[in-house]
Amino acid sequence: MANRLVIIGGDGAGMSAASQAKRRNPTLRVRAFEKGPVTSYSA
Protein backbone atom coordinates (compact mmCIF):
# COMPACT_ATOMS: atom_id res chain seq x y z
CA MET A 1 0.00 0.00 0.00
CA ALA A 2 1.36 3.40 -0.99
CA ASN A 3 1.91 6.16 1.54
CA ARG A 4 -0.72 8.87 1.43
CA LEU A 5 -0.78 12.52 2.47
CA VAL A 6 -3.86 14.71 2.89
CA ILE A 7 -3.47 18.48 2.63
CA ILE A 8 -6.20 20.62 4.15
CA GLY A 9 -6.23 24.01 2.44
CA GLY A 10 -5.42 24.78 -1.17
CA ASP A 11 -3.69 28.10 -0.58
CA GLY A 12 0.00 28.74 -1.22
CA ALA A 13 1.18 27.01 1.96
CA GLY A 14 -0.88 23.88 1.33
CA MET A 15 0.27 23.52 -2.27
CA SER A 16 3.85 24.23 -1.27
CA ALA A 17 3.69 21.43 1.31
CA ALA A 18 2.21 19.07 -1.28
CA SER A 19 4.88 19.82 -3.89
CA GLN A 20 7.70 19.52 -1.33
CA ALA A 21 6.35 16.16 -0.18
CA LYS A 22 6.15 14.89 -3.79
CA ARG A 23 9.73 16.04 -4.45
CA ARG A 24 10.95 14.10 -1.43
CA ASN A 25 8.88 11.00 -2.20
CA PRO A 26 7.64 10.75 -5.82
CA THR A 27 5.53 7.66 -5.04
CA LEU A 28 3.55 9.50 -2.37
CA ARG A 29 -0.17 9.85 -3.08
CA VAL A 30 -1.21 13.44 -2.28
CA ARG A 31 -4.79 14.69 -2.00
CA ALA A 32 -5.57 18.35 -1.33
CA PHE A 33 -8.91 19.69 -0.12
CA GLU A 34 -10.01 23.31 -0.42
CA LYS A 35 -13.44 24.61 0.61
CA GLY A 36 -13.30 27.74 -1.53
CA PRO A 37 -13.57 28.06 -5.33
CA VAL A 38 -9.88 28.98 -5.86
CA THR A 39 -6.81 26.76 -5.54
CA SER A 40 -3.26 28.13 -5.66
CA TYR A 41 -1.06 26.80 -8.46
CA SER A 42 1.95 28.97 -7.65
CA ALA A 43 3.79 26.49 -5.44
PDB file of N, CA and C in Angstrom:
ATOM      1  N   MET A   1       0.837  -1.170   0.000  1.00  0.00           N
ATOM      2  CA  MET A   1       0.000   0.000   0.000  1.00  0.00           C
ATOM      3  C   MET A   1       0.889   1.244   0.000  1.00  0.00           C
ATOM      4  N   ALA A   2       0.575   2.186  -0.869  1.00  0.00           N
ATOM      5  CA  ALA A   2       1.365   3.402  -0.988  1.00  0.00           C
ATOM      6  C   ALA A   2       1.094   4.343   0.184  1.00  0.00           C
ATOM      7  N   ASN A   3       2.099   5.130   0.521  1.00  0.00           N
ATOM      8  CA  ASN A   3       1.911   6.163   1.540  1.00  0.00           C
ATOM      9  C   ASN A   3       1.022   7.257   0.981  1.00  0.00           C
ATOM     10  N   ARG A   4       0.201   7.827   1.853  1.00  0.00           N
ATOM     11  CA  ARG A   4      -0.715   8.875   1.435  1.00  0.00           C
ATOM     12  C   ARG A   4      -0.568  10.096   2.327  1.00  0.00           C
ATOM     13  N   LEU A   5      -0.839  11.262   1.750  1.00  0.00           N
ATOM     14  CA  LEU A   5      -0.778  12.521   2.468  1.00  0.00           C
ATOM     15  C   LEU A   5      -2.013  13.325   2.100  1.00  0.00           C
ATOM     16  N   VAL A   6      -2.705  13.852   3.109  1.00  0.00           N
ATOM     17  CA  VAL A   6      -3.859  14.711   2.887  1.00  0.00           C
ATOM     18  C   VAL A   6      -3.484  16.122   3.290  1.00  0.00           C
ATOM     19  N   ILE A   7      -3.718  17.062   2.384  1.00  0.00           N
ATOM     20  CA  ILE A   7      -3.469  18.476   2.628  1.00  0.00           C
ATOM     21  C   ILE A   7      -4.817  19.162   2.801  1.00  0.00           C
ATOM     22  N   ILE A   8      -4.986  19.864   3.906  1.00  0.00           N
ATOM     23  CA  ILE A   8      -6.203  20.622   4.146  1.00  0.00           C
ATOM     24  C   ILE A   8      -5.883  22.088   3.867  1.00  0.00           C
ATOM     25  N   GLY A   9      -6.469  22.614   2.825  1.00  0.00           N
ATOM     26  CA  GLY A   9      -6.232  24.010   2.436  1.00  0.00           C
ATOM     27  C   GLY A   9      -5.455  24.088   1.141  1.00  0.00           C
ATOM     28  N   GLY A  10      -6.048  24.696   0.144  1.00  0.00           N
ATOM     29  CA  GLY A  10      -5.422  24.784  -1.169  1.00  0.00           C
ATOM     30  C   GLY A  10      -4.762  26.121  -1.433  1.00  0.00           C
ATOM     31  N   ASP A  11      -4.375  26.825  -0.380  1.00  0.00           N
ATOM     32  CA  ASP A  11      -3.686  28.102  -0.578  1.00  0.00           C
ATOM     33  C   ASP A  11      -2.211  27.836  -0.865  1.00  0.00           C
ATOM     34  N   GLY A  12      -1.419  28.877  -0.892  1.00  0.00           N
ATOM     35  CA  GLY A  12       0.004  28.738  -1.219  1.00  0.00           C
ATOM     36  C   GLY A  12       0.752  27.793  -0.294  1.00  0.00           C
ATOM     37  N   ALA A  13       0.477  27.868   0.997  1.00  0.00           N
ATOM     38  CA  ALA A  13       1.179  27.013   1.956  1.00  0.00           C
ATOM     39  C   ALA A  13       0.816  25.541   1.767  1.00  0.00           C
ATOM     40  N   GLY A  14      -0.449  25.263   1.532  1.00  0.00           N
ATOM     41  CA  GLY A  14      -0.881  23.878   1.331  1.00  0.00           C
ATOM     42  C   GLY A  14      -0.281  23.266   0.085  1.00  0.00           C
ATOM     43  N   MET A  15      -0.281  24.029  -1.013  1.00  0.00           N
ATOM     44  CA  MET A  15       0.269  23.516  -2.266  1.00  0.00           C
ATOM     45  C   MET A  15       1.789  23.417  -2.204  1.00  0.00           C
ATOM     46  N   SER A  16       2.412  24.312  -1.454  1.00  0.00           N
ATOM     47  CA  SER A  16       3.853  24.233  -1.269  1.00  0.00           C
ATOM     48  C   SER A  16       4.222  22.972  -0.491  1.00  0.00           C
ATOM     49  N   ALA A  17       3.456  22.657   0.541  1.00  0.00           N
ATOM     50  CA  ALA A  17       3.694  21.433   1.313  1.00  0.00           C
ATOM     51  C   ALA A  17       3.497  20.199   0.445  1.00  0.00           C
ATOM     52  N   ALA A  18       2.472  20.216  -0.400  1.00  0.00           N
ATOM     53  CA  ALA A  18       2.212  19.072  -1.279  1.00  0.00           C
ATOM     54  C   ALA A  18       3.342  18.876  -2.282  1.00  0.00           C
ATOM     55  N   SER A  19       3.814  19.957  -2.898  1.00  0.00           N
ATOM     56  CA  SER A  19       4.880  19.821  -3.886  1.00  0.00           C
ATOM     57  C   SER A  19       6.199  19.414  -3.239  1.00  0.00           C
ATOM     58  N   GLN A  20       6.472  19.918  -2.050  1.00  0.00           N
ATOM     59  CA  GLN A  20       7.695  19.520  -1.331  1.00  0.00           C
ATOM     60  C   GLN A  20       7.654  18.037  -0.965  1.00  0.00           C
ATOM     61  N   ALA A  21       6.501  17.572  -0.527  1.00  0.00           N
ATOM     62  CA  ALA A  21       6.353  16.155  -0.175  1.00  0.00           C
ATOM     63  C   ALA A  21       6.548  15.264  -1.402  1.00  0.00           C
ATOM     64  N   LYS A  22       5.995  15.684  -2.558  1.00  0.00           N
ATOM     65  CA  LYS A  22       6.154  14.889  -3.789  1.00  0.00           C
ATOM     66  C   LYS A  22       7.607  14.900  -4.272  1.00  0.00           C
ATOM     67  N   ARG A  23       8.313  16.014  -4.065  1.00  0.00           N
ATOM     68  CA  ARG A  23       9.726  16.044  -4.450  1.00  0.00           C
ATOM     69  C   ARG A  23      10.540  15.070  -3.603  1.00  0.00           C
ATOM     70  N   ARG A  24      10.209  14.988  -2.336  1.00  0.00           N
ATOM     71  CA  ARG A  24      10.955  14.095  -1.433  1.00  0.00           C
ATOM     72  C   ARG A  24      10.597  12.631  -1.630  1.00  0.00           C
ATOM     73  N   ASN A  25       9.335  12.377  -2.003  1.00  0.00           N
ATOM     74  CA  ASN A  25       8.881  10.999  -2.203  1.00  0.00           C
ATOM     75  C   ASN A  25       7.942  10.957  -3.405  1.00  0.00           C
ATOM     76  N   PRO A  26       8.460  10.720  -4.609  1.00  0.00           N
ATOM     77  CA  PRO A  26       7.636  10.749  -5.823  1.00  0.00           C
ATOM     78  C   PRO A  26       6.504   9.712  -5.843  1.00  0.00           C
ATOM     79  N   THR A  27       6.592   8.673  -5.050  1.00  0.00           N
ATOM     80  CA  THR A  27       5.533   7.663  -5.044  1.00  0.00           C
ATOM     81  C   THR A  27       4.407   7.996  -4.073  1.00  0.00           C
ATOM     82  N   LEU A  28       4.546   9.076  -3.343  1.00  0.00           N
ATOM     83  CA  LEU A  28       3.548   9.498  -2.370  1.00  0.00           C
ATOM     84  C   LEU A  28       2.256   9.898  -3.077  1.00  0.00           C
ATOM     85  N   ARG A  29       1.133   9.454  -2.545  1.00  0.00           N
ATOM     86  CA  ARG A  29      -0.174   9.849  -3.079  1.00  0.00           C
ATOM     87  C   ARG A  29      -0.670  11.045  -2.275  1.00  0.00           C
ATOM     88  N   VAL A  30      -0.829  12.192  -2.940  1.00  0.00           N
ATOM     89  CA  VAL A  30      -1.210  13.440  -2.276  1.00  0.00           C
ATOM     90  C   VAL A  30      -2.620  13.833  -2.706  1.00  0.00           C
ATOM     91  N   ARG A  31      -3.438  14.196  -1.739  1.00  0.00           N
ATOM     92  CA  ARG A  31      -4.794  14.687  -2.005  1.00  0.00           C
ATOM     93  C   ARG A  31      -4.951  15.994  -1.253  1.00  0.00           C
ATOM     94  N   ALA A  32      -5.379  17.037  -1.949  1.00  0.00           N
ATOM     95  CA  ALA A  32      -5.569  18.352  -1.334  1.00  0.00           C
ATOM     96  C   ALA A  32      -7.050  18.705  -1.340  1.00  0.00           C
ATOM     97  N   PHE A  33      -7.523  19.258  -0.244  1.00  0.00           N
ATOM     98  CA  PHE A  33      -8.912  19.687  -0.115  1.00  0.00           C
ATOM     99  C   PHE A  33      -8.960  21.184   0.144  1.00  0.00           C
ATOM    100  N   GLU A  34      -9.827  21.878  -0.570  1.00  0.00           N
ATOM    101  CA  GLU A  34     -10.014  23.313  -0.416  1.00  0.00           C
ATOM    102  C   GLU A  34     -11.512  23.596  -0.435  1.00  0.00           C
ATOM    103  N   LYS A  35     -12.003  24.337   0.543  1.00  0.00           N
ATOM    104  CA  LYS A  35     -13.437  24.606   0.607  1.00  0.00           C
ATOM    105  C   LYS A  35     -13.872  25.732  -0.312  1.00  0.00           C
ATOM    106  N   GLY A  36     -12.960  26.606  -0.675  1.00  0.00           N
ATOM    107  CA  GLY A  36     -13.295  27.736  -1.529  1.00  0.00           C
ATOM    108  C   GLY A  36     -13.199  27.394  -3.000  1.00  0.00           C
ATOM    109  N   PRO A  37     -13.573  28.320  -3.889  1.00  0.00           N
ATOM    110  CA  PRO A  37     -13.566  28.063  -5.325  1.00  0.00           C
ATOM    111  C   PRO A  37     -12.194  28.202  -5.983  1.00  0.00           C
ATOM    112  N   VAL A  38     -11.188  28.707  -5.256  1.00  0.00           N
ATOM    113  CA  VAL A  38      -9.881  28.981  -5.864  1.00  0.00           C
ATOM    114  C   VAL A  38      -8.797  28.153  -5.195  1.00  0.00           C
ATOM    115  N   THR A  39      -7.963  27.524  -6.025  1.00  0.00           N
ATOM    116  CA  THR A  39      -6.805  26.763  -5.540  1.00  0.00           C
ATOM    117  C   THR A  39      -5.553  27.427  -6.075  1.00  0.00           C
ATOM    118  N   SER A  40      -4.516  27.526  -5.246  1.00  0.00           N
ATOM    119  CA  SER A  40      -3.264  28.128  -5.658  1.00  0.00           C
ATOM    120  C   SER A  40      -2.446  27.145  -6.486  1.00  0.00           C
ATOM    121  N   TYR A  41      -1.940  27.615  -7.624  1.00  0.00           N
ATOM    122  CA  TYR A  41      -1.057  26.804  -8.459  1.00  0.00           C
ATOM    123  C   TYR A  41       0.341  27.387  -8.523  1.00  0.00           C
ATOM    124  N   SER A  42       0.662  28.280  -7.597  1.00  0.00           N
ATOM    125  CA  SER A  42       1.946  28.971  -7.648  1.00  0.00           C
ATOM    126  C   SER A  42       3.051  28.296  -6.869  1.00  0.00           C
ATOM    127  N   ALA A  43       2.786  27.146  -6.286  1.00  0.00           N
ATOM    128  CA  ALA A  43       3.785  26.491  -5.436  1.00  0.00           C
ATOM    129  C   ALA A  43       4.912  25.907  -6.233  1.00  0.00           C
TER     130      ALA A  43
END
